[in-house]
PDB file of N, CA and C in Angstrom:
ATOM      1  N   UNK A   1     123.176 226.059 -30.625  1.00  0.00           N
ATOM      2  CA  UNK A   1     124.268 225.274 -30.365  1.00  0.00           C
ATOM      3  C   UNK A   1     125.230 226.229 -29.999  1.00  0.00           C
ATOM      4  N   UNK A   2     125.922 226.035 -28.906  1.00  0.00           N
ATOM      5  CA  UNK A   2     127.055 227.001 -28.385  1.00  0.00           C
ATOM      6  C   UNK A   2     128.325 226.556 -28.885  1.00  0.00           C
ATOM      7  N   UNK A   3     128.715 225.154 -28.821  1.00  0.00           N
ATOM      8  CA  UNK A   3     130.062 224.871 -29.189  1.00  0.00           C
ATOM      9  C   UNK A   3     130.080 223.349 -29.620  1.00  0.00           C
ATOM     10  N   UNK A   4     131.033 222.909 -30.378  1.00  0.00           N
ATOM     11  CA  UNK A   4     131.292 221.631 -30.949  1.00  0.00           C
ATOM     12  C   UNK A   4     132.737 221.438 -30.924  1.00  0.00           C
ATOM     13  N   UNK A   5     133.351 220.490 -30.000  1.00  0.00           N
ATOM     14  CA  UNK A   5     134.908 220.360 -29.874  1.00  0.00           C
ATOM     15  C   UNK A   5     135.293 219.043 -30.793  1.00  0.00           C
ATOM     16  N   UNK A   6     134.377 218.582 -31.582  1.00  0.00           N
ATOM     17  CA  UNK A   6     134.833 217.399 -32.281  1.00  0.00           C
ATOM     18  C   UNK A   6     134.264 216.055 -31.756  1.00  0.00           C
ATOM     19  N   UNK A   7     133.878 216.151 -30.474  1.00  0.00           N
ATOM     20  CA  UNK A   7     133.308 214.952 -29.867  1.00  0.00           C
ATOM     21  C   UNK A   7     131.975 215.284 -29.060  1.00  0.00           C
ATOM     22  N   UNK A   8     132.064 216.486 -28.511  1.00  0.00           N
ATOM     23  CA  UNK A   8     130.801 216.875 -27.661  1.00  0.00           C
ATOM     24  C   UNK A   8     130.145 218.106 -28.196  1.00  0.00           C
ATOM     25  N   UNK A   9     128.771 218.332 -28.125  1.00  0.00           N
ATOM     26  CA  UNK A   9     128.183 219.265 -28.360  1.00  0.00           C
ATOM     27  C   UNK A   9     127.577 220.128 -27.264  1.00  0.00           C
ATOM     28  N   UNK A  10     127.629 221.271 -27.064  1.00  0.00           N
ATOM     29  CA  UNK A  10     127.071 222.054 -25.878  1.00  0.00           C
ATOM     30  C   UNK A  10     126.193 222.993 -26.458  1.00  0.00           C
ATOM     31  N   UNK A  11     124.985 223.001 -25.933  1.00  0.00           N
ATOM     32  CA  UNK A  11     123.766 223.719 -26.275  1.00  0.00           C
ATOM     33  C   UNK A  11     122.880 224.239 -25.021  1.00  0.00           C
ATOM     34  N   UNK A  12     122.039 225.353 -25.360  1.00  0.00           N
ATOM     35  CA  UNK A  12     121.107 225.885 -24.378  1.00  0.00           C
ATOM     36  C   UNK A  12     119.726 225.091 -24.571  1.00  0.00           C
ATOM     37  N   UNK A  13     119.186 224.938 -23.453  1.00  0.00           N
ATOM     38  CA  UNK A  13     117.818 224.410 -23.430  1.00  0.00           C
ATOM     39  C   UNK A  13     116.969 225.099 -22.413  1.00  0.00           C
ATOM     40  N   UNK A  14     115.693 224.923 -22.394  1.00  0.00           N
ATOM     41  CA  UNK A  14     114.748 225.645 -21.289  1.00  0.00           C
ATOM     42  C   UNK A  14     114.223 224.570 -20.434  1.00  0.00           C
ATOM     43  N   UNK A  15     114.423 224.718 -19.224  1.00  0.00           N
ATOM     44  CA  UNK A  15     114.059 223.926 -18.082  1.00  0.00           C
ATOM     45  C   UNK A  15     112.605 224.398 -17.760  1.00  0.00           C
ATOM     46  N   UNK A  16     111.619 223.871 -18.327  1.00  0.00           N
ATOM     47  CA  UNK A  16     110.322 224.265 -18.029  1.00  0.00           C
ATOM     48  C   UNK A  16     109.787 223.923 -16.522  1.00  0.00           C
ATOM     49  N   UNK A  17     110.285 222.958 -16.129  1.00  0.00           N
ATOM     50  CA  UNK A  17     110.012 222.243 -14.787  1.00  0.00           C
ATOM     51  C   UNK A  17     110.457 223.123 -13.747  1.00  0.00           C
ATOM     52  N   UNK A  18     111.517 223.887 -14.019  1.00  0.00           N
ATOM     53  CA  UNK A  18     112.100 224.795 -12.804  1.00  0.00           C
ATOM     54  C   UNK A  18     112.034 226.191 -13.282  1.00  0.00           C
ATOM     55  N   UNK A  19     110.894 226.855 -13.379  1.00  0.00           N
ATOM     56  CA  UNK A  19     110.880 228.183 -13.790  1.00  0.00           C
ATOM     57  C   UNK A  19     111.202 228.704 -15.216  1.00  0.00           C
ATOM     58  N   UNK A  20     111.167 227.827 -16.046  1.00  0.00           N
ATOM     59  CA  UNK A  20     111.685 228.191 -17.515  1.00  0.00           C
ATOM     60  C   UNK A  20     113.005 228.661 -17.550  1.00  0.00           C
ATOM     61  N   UNK A  21     113.877 228.205 -16.799  1.00  0.00           N
ATOM     62  CA  UNK A  21     115.151 228.722 -16.720  1.00  0.00           C
ATOM     63  C   UNK A  21     116.072 228.090 -17.975  1.00  0.00           C
ATOM     64  N   UNK A  22     116.950 228.861 -18.613  1.00  0.00           N
ATOM     65  CA  UNK A  22     117.689 228.412 -19.458  1.00  0.00           C
ATOM     66  C   UNK A  22     118.949 227.937 -19.054  1.00  0.00           C
ATOM     67  N   UNK A  23     119.196 226.698 -19.494  1.00  0.00           N
ATOM     68  CA  UNK A  23     120.381 225.883 -18.946  1.00  0.00           C
ATOM     69  C   UNK A  23     121.395 225.354 -19.879  1.00  0.00           C
ATOM     70  N   UNK A  24     122.511 225.128 -19.730  1.00  0.00           N
ATOM     71  CA  UNK A  24     123.573 224.640 -20.708  1.00  0.00           C
ATOM     72  C   UNK A  24     123.690 223.172 -20.527  1.00  0.00           C
ATOM     73  N   UNK A  25     123.811 222.419 -21.683  1.00  0.00           N
ATOM     74  CA  UNK A  25     123.926 220.829 -21.512  1.00  0.00           C
ATOM     75  C   UNK A  25     125.130 220.479 -22.555  1.00  0.00           C
ATOM     76  N   UNK A  26     125.886 219.606 -22.255  1.00  0.00           N
ATOM     77  CA  UNK A  26     126.901 218.964 -23.110  1.00  0.00           C
ATOM     78  C   UNK A  26     126.713 217.499 -23.262  1.00  0.00           C
ATOM     79  N   UNK A  27     126.660 217.078 -24.413  1.00  0.00           N
ATOM     80  CA  UNK A  27     126.242 215.729 -24.683  1.00  0.00           C
ATOM     81  C   UNK A  27     127.150 215.300 -25.926  1.00  0.00           C
ATOM     82  N   UNK A  28     127.508 213.936 -26.038  1.00  0.00           N
ATOM     83  CA  UNK A  28     128.301 213.510 -27.280  1.00  0.00           C
ATOM     84  C   UNK A  28     127.483 213.826 -28.467  1.00  0.00           C
ATOM     85  N   UNK A  29     128.317 213.963 -29.521  1.00  0.00           N
ATOM     86  CA  UNK A  29     127.658 214.441 -30.868  1.00  0.00           C
ATOM     87  C   UNK A  29     126.556 213.464 -31.412  1.00  0.00           C
ATOM     88  N   UNK A  30     126.738 212.126 -31.076  1.00  0.00           N
ATOM     89  CA  UNK A  30     125.887 211.211 -31.643  1.00  0.00           C
ATOM     90  C   UNK A  30     124.481 211.477 -30.826  1.00  0.00           C
ATOM     91  N   UNK A  31     124.535 211.600 -29.515  1.00  0.00           N
ATOM     92  CA  UNK A  31     123.335 211.925 -28.750  1.00  0.00           C
ATOM     93  C   UNK A  31     122.631 213.241 -29.279  1.00  0.00           C
ATOM     94  N   UNK A  32     123.461 214.274 -29.523  1.00  0.00           N
ATOM     95  CA  UNK A  32     122.871 215.522 -29.967  1.00  0.00           C
ATOM     96  C   UNK A  32     122.043 215.179 -31.267  1.00  0.00           C
ATOM     97  N   UNK A  33     122.622 214.564 -32.314  1.00  0.00           N
ATOM     98  CA  UNK A  33     122.080 214.228 -33.568  1.00  0.00           C
ATOM     99  C   UNK A  33     120.873 213.459 -33.440  1.00  0.00           C
ATOM    100  N   UNK A  34     120.786 212.374 -32.487  1.00  0.00           N
ATOM    101  CA  UNK A  34     119.583 211.579 -32.219  1.00  0.00           C
ATOM    102  C   UNK A  34     118.538 212.453 -31.593  1.00  0.00           C
ATOM    103  N   UNK A  35     118.680 213.409 -30.616  1.00  0.00           N
ATOM    104  CA  UNK A  35     117.787 214.180 -30.005  1.00  0.00           C
ATOM    105  C   UNK A  35     117.262 215.123 -31.233  1.00  0.00           C
ATOM    106  N   UNK A  36     118.200 215.738 -32.075  1.00  0.00           N
ATOM    107  CA  UNK A  36     117.804 216.605 -33.134  1.00  0.00           C
ATOM    108  C   UNK A  36     116.735 215.975 -34.125  1.00  0.00           C
ATOM    109  N   UNK A  37     117.306 214.709 -34.499  1.00  0.00           N
ATOM    110  CA  UNK A  37     116.400 214.088 -35.449  1.00  0.00           C
ATOM    111  C   UNK A  37     114.952 213.622 -34.889  1.00  0.00           C
ATOM    112  N   UNK A  38     114.870 213.638 -33.682  1.00  0.00           N
ATOM    113  CA  UNK A  38     113.405 213.335 -33.037  1.00  0.00           C
ATOM    114  C   UNK A  38     112.419 214.376 -33.701  1.00  0.00           C
ATOM    115  N   UNK A  39     112.902 215.661 -33.892  1.00  0.00           N
ATOM    116  CA  UNK A  39     112.135 216.690 -34.363  1.00  0.00           C
ATOM    117  C   UNK A  39     111.938 216.772 -35.861  1.00  0.00           C
ATOM    118  N   UNK A  40     112.473 215.811 -36.452  1.00  0.00           N
ATOM    119  CA  UNK A  40     112.316 215.884 -37.994  1.00  0.00           C
ATOM    120  C   UNK A  40     111.206 214.878 -38.509  1.00  0.00           C
ATOM    121  N   UNK A  41     110.273 215.406 -39.297  1.00  0.00           N
ATOM    122  CA  UNK A  41     109.189 214.433 -39.687  1.00  0.00           C
ATOM    123  C   UNK A  41     109.578 213.850 -40.924  1.00  0.00           C
ATOM    124  N   UNK A  42     108.897 212.619 -41.187  1.00  0.00           N
ATOM    125  CA  UNK A  42     109.289 211.914 -42.632  1.00  0.00           C
ATOM    126  C   UNK A  42     108.611 212.807 -43.768  1.00  0.00           C
ATOM    127  N   UNK A  43     109.253 212.620 -44.758  1.00  0.00           N
ATOM    128  CA  UNK A  43     108.689 213.145 -45.989  1.00  0.00           C
ATOM    129  C   UNK A  43     107.350 212.975 -46.268  1.00  0.00           C
ATOM    130  N   UNK A  44     106.453 214.116 -46.507  1.00  0.00           N
ATOM    131  CA  UNK A  44     105.097 214.181 -46.679  1.00  0.00           C
ATOM    132  C   UNK A  44     104.468 214.240 -45.490  1.00  0.00           C
ATOM    133  N   UNK A  45     104.893 214.282 -44.309  1.00  0.00           N
ATOM    134  CA  UNK A  45     104.216 214.584 -43.053  1.00  0.00           C
ATOM    135  C   UNK A  45     104.191 216.085 -42.815  1.00  0.00           C
ATOM    136  N   UNK A  46     103.109 216.548 -41.891  1.00  0.00           N
ATOM    137  CA  UNK A  46     103.034 217.890 -41.719  1.00  0.00           C
ATOM    138  C   UNK A  46     102.787 217.862 -40.106  1.00  0.00           C
ATOM    139  N   UNK A  47     103.629 218.940 -39.489  1.00  0.00           N
ATOM    140  CA  UNK A  47     103.479 218.935 -37.973  1.00  0.00           C
ATOM    141  C   UNK A  47     102.057 219.907 -37.772  1.00  0.00           C
ATOM    142  N   UNK A  48     101.445 219.314 -36.867  1.00  0.00           N
ATOM    143  CA  UNK A  48     100.193 219.964 -36.330  1.00  0.00           C
ATOM    144  C   UNK A  48     100.376 220.215 -34.935  1.00  0.00           C
ATOM    145  N   UNK A  49     100.524 221.383 -34.454  1.00  0.00           N
ATOM    146  CA  UNK A  49     100.718 221.659 -33.068  1.00  0.00           C
ATOM    147  C   UNK A  49      99.391 221.443 -32.229  1.00  0.00           C
ATOM    148  N   UNK A  50      98.195 221.992 -32.581  1.00  0.00           N
ATOM    149  CA  UNK A  50      96.908 221.702 -31.976  1.00  0.00           C
ATOM    150  C   UNK A  50      95.984 221.655 -33.016  1.00  0.00           C
ATOM    151  N   UNK A  51      95.134 220.740 -32.834  1.00  0.00           N
ATOM    152  CA  UNK A  51      94.108 220.252 -33.780  1.00  0.00           C
ATOM    153  C   UNK A  51      92.741 220.078 -32.997  1.00  0.00           C
ATOM    154  N   UNK A  52      91.578 220.352 -33.757  1.00  0.00           N
ATOM    155  CA  UNK A  52      90.306 220.140 -33.053  1.00  0.00           C
ATOM    156  C   UNK A  52      90.051 221.148 -31.877  1.00  0.00           C
ATOM    157  N   UNK A  53      89.469 220.619 -30.654  1.00  0.00           N
ATOM    158  CA  UNK A  53      89.152 221.339 -29.552  1.00  0.00           C
ATOM    159  C   UNK A  53      90.318 222.092 -28.883  1.00  0.00           C
ATOM    160  N   UNK A  54      91.618 221.640 -29.337  1.00  0.00           N
ATOM    161  CA  UNK A  54      92.661 222.254 -28.680  1.00  0.00           C
ATOM    162  C   UNK A  54      93.290 223.477 -29.551  1.00  0.00           C
ATOM    163  N   UNK A  55      92.695 223.576 -30.809  1.00  0.00           N
ATOM    164  CA  UNK A  55      93.051 224.827 -31.577  1.00  0.00           C
ATOM    165  C   UNK A  55      92.950 226.049 -30.924  1.00  0.00           C
ATOM    166  N   UNK A  56      93.774 226.958 -31.248  1.00  0.00           N
ATOM    167  CA  UNK A  56      93.686 228.298 -30.731  1.00  0.00           C
ATOM    168  C   UNK A  56      92.426 228.958 -30.899  1.00  0.00           C
ATOM    169  N   UNK A  57      91.742 228.905 -31.879  1.00  0.00           N
ATOM    170  CA  UNK A  57      90.400 229.424 -32.165  1.00  0.00           C
ATOM    171  C   UNK A  57      89.392 228.797 -31.311  1.00  0.00           C
ATOM    172  N   UNK A  58      89.604 227.674 -30.868  1.00  0.00           N
ATOM    173  CA  UNK A  58      88.638 226.814 -30.131  1.00  0.00           C
ATOM    174  C   UNK A  58      88.797 227.220 -28.628  1.00  0.00           C
ATOM    175  N   UNK A  59      90.093 227.532 -28.172  1.00  0.00           N
ATOM    176  CA  UNK A  59      90.311 227.629 -26.681  1.00  0.00           C
ATOM    177  C   UNK A  59      89.667 229.041 -26.016  1.00  0.00           C
ATOM    178  N   UNK A  60      89.158 229.798 -27.006  1.00  0.00           N
ATOM    179  CA  UNK A  60      88.656 230.961 -26.255  1.00  0.00           C
ATOM    180  C   UNK A  60      87.319 230.727 -25.813  1.00  0.00           C
ATOM    181  N   UNK A  61      86.819 229.633 -26.073  1.00  0.00           N
ATOM    182  CA  UNK A  61      85.325 229.255 -25.821  1.00  0.00           C
ATOM    183  C   UNK A  61      85.217 228.953 -24.233  1.00  0.00           C
ATOM    184  N   UNK A  62      84.622 227.841 -24.026  1.00  0.00           N
ATOM    185  CA  UNK A  62      84.429 227.500 -22.661  1.00  0.00           C
ATOM    186  C   UNK A  62      85.713 226.786 -21.953  1.00  0.00           C
ATOM    187  N   UNK A  63      86.216 227.689 -21.023  1.00  0.00           N
ATOM    188  CA  UNK A  63      87.541 227.029 -20.440  1.00  0.00           C
ATOM    189  C   UNK A  63      87.252 225.853 -19.672  1.00  0.00           C
ATOM    190  N   UNK A  64      86.098 225.354 -19.201  1.00  0.00           N
ATOM    191  CA  UNK A  64      85.843 224.223 -18.629  1.00  0.00           C
ATOM    192  C   UNK A  64      85.614 223.071 -19.398  1.00  0.00           C
ATOM    193  N   UNK A  65      85.591 223.240 -20.833  1.00  0.00           N
ATOM    194  CA  UNK A  65      85.169 222.115 -21.667  1.00  0.00           C
ATOM    195  C   UNK A  65      86.013 220.927 -21.753  1.00  0.00           C
ATOM    196  N   UNK A  66      87.361 221.207 -21.613  1.00  0.00           N
ATOM    197  CA  UNK A  66      88.245 220.085 -21.530  1.00  0.00           C
ATOM    198  C   UNK A  66      88.037 219.395 -20.231  1.00  0.00           C
ATOM    199  N   UNK A  67      87.905 219.993 -19.106  1.00  0.00           N
ATOM    200  CA  UNK A  67      87.688 219.392 -17.770  1.00  0.00           C
ATOM    201  C   UNK A  67      86.424 218.555 -17.808  1.00  0.00           C
ATOM    202  N   UNK A  68      85.358 219.170 -18.380  1.00  0.00           N
ATOM    203  CA  UNK A  68      84.169 218.255 -18.372  1.00  0.00           C
ATOM    204  C   UNK A  68      84.283 217.159 -19.397  1.00  0.00           C
ATOM    205  N   UNK A  69      84.945 217.252 -20.418  1.00  0.00           N
ATOM    206  CA  UNK A  69      85.157 216.095 -21.301  1.00  0.00           C
ATOM    207  C   UNK A  69      86.009 215.057 -20.567  1.00  0.00           C
ATOM    208  N   UNK A  70      87.025 215.467 -19.864  1.00  0.00           N
ATOM    209  CA  UNK A  70      87.840 214.329 -19.132  1.00  0.00           C
ATOM    210  C   UNK A  70      86.937 213.777 -18.084  1.00  0.00           C
ATOM    211  N   UNK A  71      86.140 214.561 -17.347  1.00  0.00           N
ATOM    212  CA  UNK A  71      85.185 213.846 -16.270  1.00  0.00           C
ATOM    213  C   UNK A  71      84.364 212.887 -16.933  1.00  0.00           C
ATOM    214  N   UNK A  72      83.749 213.319 -18.123  1.00  0.00           N
ATOM    215  CA  UNK A  72      82.814 212.274 -18.707  1.00  0.00           C
ATOM    216  C   UNK A  72      83.560 211.170 -19.220  1.00  0.00           C
ATOM    217  N   UNK A  73      84.727 211.255 -19.612  1.00  0.00           N
ATOM    218  CA  UNK A  73      85.511 209.995 -20.099  1.00  0.00           C
ATOM    219  C   UNK A  73      85.729 209.116 -18.910  1.00  0.00           C
ATOM    220  N   UNK A  74      86.103 209.818 -17.735  1.00  0.00           N
ATOM    221  CA  UNK A  74      86.581 209.099 -16.474  1.00  0.00           C
ATOM    222  C   UNK A  74      85.283 208.432 -15.932  1.00  0.00           C
ATOM    223  N   UNK A  75      84.109 209.068 -16.007  1.00  0.00           N
ATOM    224  CA  UNK A  75      82.906 208.558 -15.424  1.00  0.00           C
ATOM    225  C   UNK A  75      82.382 207.275 -16.459  1.00  0.00           C
ATOM    226  N   UNK A  76      82.637 207.314 -17.541  1.00  0.00           N
ATOM    227  CA  UNK A  76      82.298 206.330 -18.541  1.00  0.00           C
ATOM    228  C   UNK A  76      83.323 204.989 -18.295  1.00  0.00           C
ATOM    229  N   UNK A  77      84.522 205.379 -17.962  1.00  0.00           N
ATOM    230  CA  UNK A  77      85.386 204.271 -17.716  1.00  0.00           C
ATOM    231  C   UNK A  77      85.127 203.485 -16.366  1.00  0.00           C
ATOM    232  N   UNK A  78      84.581 204.294 -15.353  1.00  0.00           N
ATOM    233  CA  UNK A  78      84.329 203.938 -14.111  1.00  0.00           C
ATOM    234  C   UNK A  78      83.129 203.007 -14.282  1.00  0.00           C
ATOM    235  N   UNK A  79      81.965 203.390 -14.936  1.00  0.00           N
ATOM    236  CA  UNK A  79      80.785 202.565 -15.088  1.00  0.00           C
ATOM    237  C   UNK A  79      81.023 201.388 -15.801  1.00  0.00           C
ATOM    238  N   UNK A  80      81.999 201.251 -16.859  1.00  0.00           N
ATOM    239  CA  UNK A  80      82.307 200.184 -17.591  1.00  0.00           C
ATOM    240  C   UNK A  80      83.036 199.125 -16.691  1.00  0.00           C
ATOM    241  N   UNK A  81      83.973 199.689 -15.940  1.00  0.00           N
ATOM    242  CA  UNK A  81      84.643 198.757 -14.761  1.00  0.00           C
ATOM    243  C   UNK A  81      83.702 198.041 -13.881  1.00  0.00           C
ATOM    244  N   UNK A  82      82.617 198.898 -13.471  1.00  0.00           N
ATOM    245  CA  UNK A  82      81.641 198.458 -12.521  1.00  0.00           C
ATOM    246  C   UNK A  82      80.690 197.311 -13.258  1.00  0.00           C
ATOM    247  N   UNK A  83      80.402 197.573 -14.561  1.00  0.00           N
ATOM    248  CA  UNK A  83      79.601 196.546 -15.327  1.00  0.00           C
ATOM    249  C   UNK A  83      80.357 195.309 -15.547  1.00  0.00           C
ATOM    250  N   UNK A  84      81.578 195.333 -15.733  1.00  0.00           N
ATOM    251  CA  UNK A  84      82.501 194.062 -16.072  1.00  0.00           C
ATOM    252  C   UNK A  84      82.810 193.269 -14.716  1.00  0.00           C
ATOM    253  N   UNK A  85      82.784 194.116 -13.453  1.00  0.00           N
ATOM    254  CA  UNK A  85      82.979 193.416 -12.164  1.00  0.00           C
ATOM    255  C   UNK A  85      81.538 192.807 -11.754  1.00  0.00           C
ATOM    256  N   UNK A  86      80.580 193.484 -11.956  1.00  0.00           N
ATOM    257  CA  UNK A  86      79.229 193.118 -11.411  1.00  0.00           C
ATOM    258  C   UNK A  86      78.252 193.060 -12.518  1.00  0.00           C
ATOM    259  N   UNK A  87      78.175 192.037 -13.298  1.00  0.00           N
ATOM    260  CA  UNK A  87      77.276 191.743 -14.514  1.00  0.00           C
ATOM    261  C   UNK A  87      75.889 191.710 -14.123  1.00  0.00           C
TER     262      UNK A  87
END
């Protein structure tokens, strides 16, 4: 947070869509609090960044595993669509 003037909050954020550039944004205090609270978990919950095959220890394996899994799911969905259209 860079500044707060009693009504508006100015902060820095990273625009990953445009070269990871750091940009400045000013929003009303209520909007800043709303956005901030989106990152707060309820009591008893634990934040898990990556779990299962997306975990860091698993990503060093087959780099095509996720693509292969996505292709299998897509092919299964296509075959189910075909079965429902042409019984």
